Every structure is written in C-alpha cells, then in structure tokens.
Amino acid sequence: MLIVPAHLFESEQAPQLLKYFQNDGIYFQGFIQFSDKLFLDKQASKALLLVQKPGADAVQAEPVMLAKAPDVGQKKRI
C-alpha cells in the first residue's frame, strides 16, 4: 500500500507506470482516491495505491478496485 498523488494516472508518466505493472509482474489491486475536501489544494490530494508482489497465494484482482472515498462529514447512507 502506497500513498501517491491522486492524479498519478493523469500524468505524462502514467503509460510507463502501467507498463511497469504489466511487465514486471506486480499486481495492481486497487486505487482509492481520498476526498478533495481533505486537502487545502486539490493538486495536493492523495490516494492509496494497492499493489502486491506475486507469490504462492497472490492473484491479480479481477476487476481491480477503483474508488473515491466519501467526504468525512458525509452522513448519507449507502
């Protein structure tokens, strides 16, 4: 689990990063973006990048989890 810039996959390096996951056998398991309201500057917003090394019990998630966390003060039931 890594904390990364929320706009990581919108950067110029995004295609290279995706190739890295595909070619080097690293399982991309998920990407959870924090609410923009947690940060004073939207450019500083962060996300959790979930990756896993291949191993005996490790499998690539199908589909990969993509989510945006709700606002902390949001009381709407899901």
N, C-alpha and C. Protein backbone atom coordinates (compact mmCIF):
# COMPACT_ATOMS: atom_id res chain seq x y z
N MET A 1 0.85 -1.15 0.00
CA MET A 1 0.00 0.00 0.00
C MET A 1 0.90 1.23 0.00
N LEU A 2 0.64 2.13 -0.94
CA LEU A 2 1.44 3.34 -1.08
C LEU A 2 0.53 4.55 -1.12
N ILE A 3 0.95 5.65 -0.51
CA ILE A 3 0.23 6.91 -0.64
C ILE A 3 0.88 7.66 -1.79
N VAL A 4 0.06 8.00 -2.79
CA VAL A 4 0.57 8.61 -4.02
C VAL A 4 -0.28 9.83 -4.37
N PRO A 5 0.20 10.69 -5.28
CA PRO A 5 -0.64 11.79 -5.74
C PRO A 5 -1.92 11.24 -6.39
N ALA A 6 -3.05 11.87 -6.11
CA ALA A 6 -4.33 11.38 -6.62
C ALA A 6 -4.40 11.43 -8.14
N HIS A 7 -3.63 12.30 -8.75
CA HIS A 7 -3.67 12.46 -10.20
C HIS A 7 -2.53 11.69 -10.88
N LEU A 8 -2.06 10.64 -10.23
CA LEU A 8 -0.93 9.86 -10.72
C LEU A 8 -1.18 9.31 -12.13
N PHE A 9 -2.37 8.82 -12.38
CA PHE A 9 -2.66 8.20 -13.67
C PHE A 9 -3.12 9.21 -14.72
N GLU A 10 -3.06 10.50 -14.37
CA GLU A 10 -3.36 11.56 -15.32
C GLU A 10 -2.08 12.26 -15.77
N SER A 11 -0.94 11.81 -15.27
CA SER A 11 0.33 12.45 -15.59
C SER A 11 0.91 11.90 -16.89
N GLU A 12 1.98 12.52 -17.35
CA GLU A 12 2.65 12.07 -18.57
C GLU A 12 3.30 10.70 -18.38
N GLN A 13 3.62 10.35 -17.14
CA GLN A 13 4.29 9.08 -16.85
C GLN A 13 3.31 7.93 -16.66
N ALA A 14 2.02 8.17 -16.73
CA ALA A 14 1.02 7.13 -16.49
C ALA A 14 1.19 5.91 -17.40
N PRO A 15 1.40 6.07 -18.71
CA PRO A 15 1.58 4.89 -19.55
C PRO A 15 2.79 4.05 -19.14
N GLN A 16 3.87 4.71 -18.73
CA GLN A 16 5.06 3.98 -18.29
C GLN A 16 4.79 3.21 -17.00
N LEU A 17 4.04 3.82 -16.11
CA LEU A 17 3.70 3.17 -14.84
C LEU A 17 2.84 1.93 -15.09
N LEU A 18 1.86 2.04 -15.97
CA LEU A 18 1.01 0.89 -16.28
C LEU A 18 1.81 -0.23 -16.94
N LYS A 19 2.75 0.11 -17.81
CA LYS A 19 3.62 -0.90 -18.42
C LYS A 19 4.47 -1.59 -17.36
N TYR A 20 4.92 -0.82 -16.38
CA TYR A 20 5.72 -1.39 -15.29
C TYR A 20 4.93 -2.47 -14.56
N PHE A 21 3.66 -2.18 -14.26
CA PHE A 21 2.82 -3.17 -13.59
C PHE A 21 2.63 -4.41 -14.45
N GLN A 22 2.43 -4.22 -15.73
CA GLN A 22 2.16 -5.35 -16.63
C GLN A 22 3.40 -6.19 -16.88
N ASN A 23 4.54 -5.56 -17.07
CA ASN A 23 5.75 -6.28 -17.47
C ASN A 23 6.55 -6.85 -16.31
N ASP A 24 6.50 -6.24 -15.16
CA ASP A 24 7.33 -6.68 -14.04
C ASP A 24 6.59 -7.58 -13.07
N GLY A 25 5.41 -8.03 -13.43
CA GLY A 25 4.70 -8.99 -12.61
C GLY A 25 4.24 -8.46 -11.27
N ILE A 26 3.96 -7.17 -11.19
CA ILE A 26 3.43 -6.60 -9.96
C ILE A 26 1.92 -6.50 -10.13
N TYR A 27 1.18 -7.01 -9.16
CA TYR A 27 -0.27 -6.99 -9.24
C TYR A 27 -0.81 -5.64 -8.78
N PHE A 28 -1.51 -4.97 -9.66
CA PHE A 28 -2.18 -3.71 -9.35
C PHE A 28 -3.56 -4.09 -8.84
N GLN A 29 -3.78 -3.96 -7.53
CA GLN A 29 -5.01 -4.44 -6.91
C GLN A 29 -6.06 -3.37 -6.70
N GLY A 30 -5.65 -2.10 -6.59
CA GLY A 30 -6.65 -1.08 -6.38
C GLY A 30 -6.08 0.32 -6.29
N PHE A 31 -6.99 1.28 -6.38
CA PHE A 31 -6.64 2.70 -6.30
C PHE A 31 -7.81 3.38 -5.60
N ILE A 32 -7.56 3.93 -4.41
CA ILE A 32 -8.62 4.59 -3.63
C ILE A 32 -8.23 6.05 -3.46
N GLN A 33 -9.03 6.92 -4.04
CA GLN A 33 -8.74 8.35 -4.00
C GLN A 33 -9.45 8.98 -2.81
N PHE A 34 -8.71 9.77 -2.02
CA PHE A 34 -9.30 10.48 -0.89
C PHE A 34 -10.11 11.67 -1.41
N SER A 35 -11.06 12.11 -0.61
CA SER A 35 -11.88 13.27 -0.96
C SER A 35 -11.00 14.51 -1.10
N ASP A 36 -11.29 15.33 -2.11
CA ASP A 36 -10.54 16.57 -2.31
C ASP A 36 -10.72 17.54 -1.14
N LYS A 37 -11.81 17.40 -0.40
CA LYS A 37 -12.08 18.31 0.72
C LYS A 37 -11.11 18.11 1.89
N LEU A 38 -10.35 17.03 1.88
CA LEU A 38 -9.37 16.80 2.94
C LEU A 38 -8.11 17.64 2.74
N PHE A 39 -7.96 18.24 1.56
CA PHE A 39 -6.73 18.96 1.22
C PHE A 39 -7.05 20.41 0.86
N LEU A 40 -6.20 21.32 1.31
CA LEU A 40 -6.41 22.74 1.01
C LEU A 40 -6.26 23.01 -0.48
N ASP A 41 -5.34 22.32 -1.12
CA ASP A 41 -5.07 22.48 -2.54
C ASP A 41 -5.40 21.18 -3.25
N LYS A 42 -6.25 21.22 -4.27
CA LYS A 42 -6.64 20.00 -4.99
C LYS A 42 -5.43 19.31 -5.61
N GLN A 43 -4.42 20.06 -5.98
CA GLN A 43 -3.21 19.48 -6.57
C GLN A 43 -2.45 18.64 -5.55
N ALA A 44 -2.71 18.85 -4.27
CA ALA A 44 -2.02 18.10 -3.21
C ALA A 44 -2.80 16.86 -2.78
N SER A 45 -3.95 16.60 -3.40
CA SER A 45 -4.77 15.46 -2.98
C SER A 45 -4.03 14.14 -3.20
N LYS A 46 -4.35 13.16 -2.36
CA LYS A 46 -3.63 11.88 -2.33
C LYS A 46 -4.59 10.71 -2.54
N ALA A 47 -3.99 9.56 -2.79
CA ALA A 47 -4.74 8.32 -2.97
C ALA A 47 -3.90 7.16 -2.45
N LEU A 48 -4.57 6.04 -2.21
CA LEU A 48 -3.88 4.81 -1.84
C LEU A 48 -3.74 3.95 -3.09
N LEU A 49 -2.53 3.55 -3.38
CA LEU A 49 -2.26 2.64 -4.49
C LEU A 49 -1.99 1.27 -3.87
N LEU A 50 -2.82 0.31 -4.22
CA LEU A 50 -2.70 -1.03 -3.65
C LEU A 50 -2.02 -1.94 -4.68
N VAL A 51 -0.83 -2.41 -4.33
CA VAL A 51 -0.07 -3.31 -5.20
C VAL A 51 0.34 -4.53 -4.39
N GLN A 52 0.65 -5.62 -5.09
CA GLN A 52 1.02 -6.86 -4.42
C GLN A 52 2.08 -7.58 -5.24
N LYS A 53 3.06 -8.13 -4.54
CA LYS A 53 4.07 -8.95 -5.21
C LYS A 53 3.46 -10.31 -5.53
N PRO A 54 3.83 -10.89 -6.66
CA PRO A 54 3.37 -12.25 -6.95
C PRO A 54 3.93 -13.22 -5.91
N GLY A 55 3.16 -14.22 -5.61
CA GLY A 55 3.59 -15.23 -4.65
C GLY A 55 2.65 -16.41 -4.69
N ALA A 56 2.84 -17.33 -3.78
CA ALA A 56 2.07 -18.57 -3.76
C ALA A 56 0.56 -18.30 -3.65
N ASP A 57 0.17 -17.37 -2.79
CA ASP A 57 -1.26 -17.12 -2.57
C ASP A 57 -1.74 -15.84 -3.25
N ALA A 58 -0.88 -15.14 -3.95
CA ALA A 58 -1.24 -13.86 -4.57
C ALA A 58 -1.84 -14.09 -5.95
N VAL A 59 -2.92 -13.37 -6.23
CA VAL A 59 -3.54 -13.40 -7.55
C VAL A 59 -3.93 -11.98 -7.94
N GLN A 60 -3.96 -11.72 -9.23
CA GLN A 60 -4.39 -10.42 -9.72
C GLN A 60 -5.90 -10.29 -9.53
N ALA A 61 -6.33 -9.19 -8.92
CA ALA A 61 -7.76 -8.96 -8.72
C ALA A 61 -8.44 -8.70 -10.06
N GLU A 62 -9.60 -9.28 -10.23
CA GLU A 62 -10.41 -9.06 -11.43
C GLU A 62 -11.83 -8.78 -10.99
N PRO A 63 -12.32 -7.61 -11.10
CA PRO A 63 -11.69 -6.39 -11.58
C PRO A 63 -10.88 -5.72 -10.47
N VAL A 64 -10.04 -4.79 -10.87
CA VAL A 64 -9.25 -4.00 -9.93
C VAL A 64 -10.20 -3.05 -9.20
N MET A 65 -9.96 -2.83 -7.90
CA MET A 65 -10.82 -1.93 -7.13
C MET A 65 -10.43 -0.48 -7.41
N LEU A 66 -11.38 0.30 -7.90
CA LEU A 66 -11.20 1.73 -8.12
C LEU A 66 -12.29 2.43 -7.32
N ALA A 67 -11.90 3.36 -6.45
CA ALA A 67 -12.90 4.01 -5.60
C ALA A 67 -12.47 5.42 -5.24
N LYS A 68 -13.46 6.22 -4.90
CA LYS A 68 -13.21 7.54 -4.34
C LYS A 68 -13.89 7.56 -2.98
N ALA A 69 -13.10 7.80 -1.93
CA ALA A 69 -13.62 7.81 -0.57
C ALA A 69 -14.58 8.98 -0.40
N PRO A 70 -15.68 8.78 0.32
CA PRO A 70 -16.64 9.87 0.53
C PRO A 70 -16.06 10.92 1.47
N ASP A 71 -16.70 12.08 1.48
CA ASP A 71 -16.30 13.14 2.40
C ASP A 71 -16.44 12.64 3.83
N VAL A 72 -15.56 13.09 4.71
CA VAL A 72 -15.57 12.64 6.09
C VAL A 72 -16.87 13.03 6.78
N GLY A 73 -17.39 14.20 6.51
CA GLY A 73 -18.60 14.68 7.15
C GLY A 73 -19.88 14.21 6.49
N GLN A 74 -19.79 13.45 5.43
CA GLN A 74 -20.96 12.99 4.69
C GLN A 74 -21.71 11.94 5.50
N LYS A 75 -23.01 12.16 5.73
CA LYS A 75 -23.80 11.24 6.54
C LYS A 75 -24.80 10.44 5.71
N LYS A 76 -24.66 10.48 4.42
CA LYS A 76 -25.56 9.75 3.54
C LYS A 76 -25.32 8.25 3.66
N ARG A 77 -26.38 7.48 3.81
CA ARG A 77 -26.24 6.03 3.91
C ARG A 77 -26.12 5.42 2.52
N ILE A 78 -25.34 4.38 2.47
CA ILE A 78 -25.14 3.68 1.19
C ILE A 78 -25.97 2.43 1.18
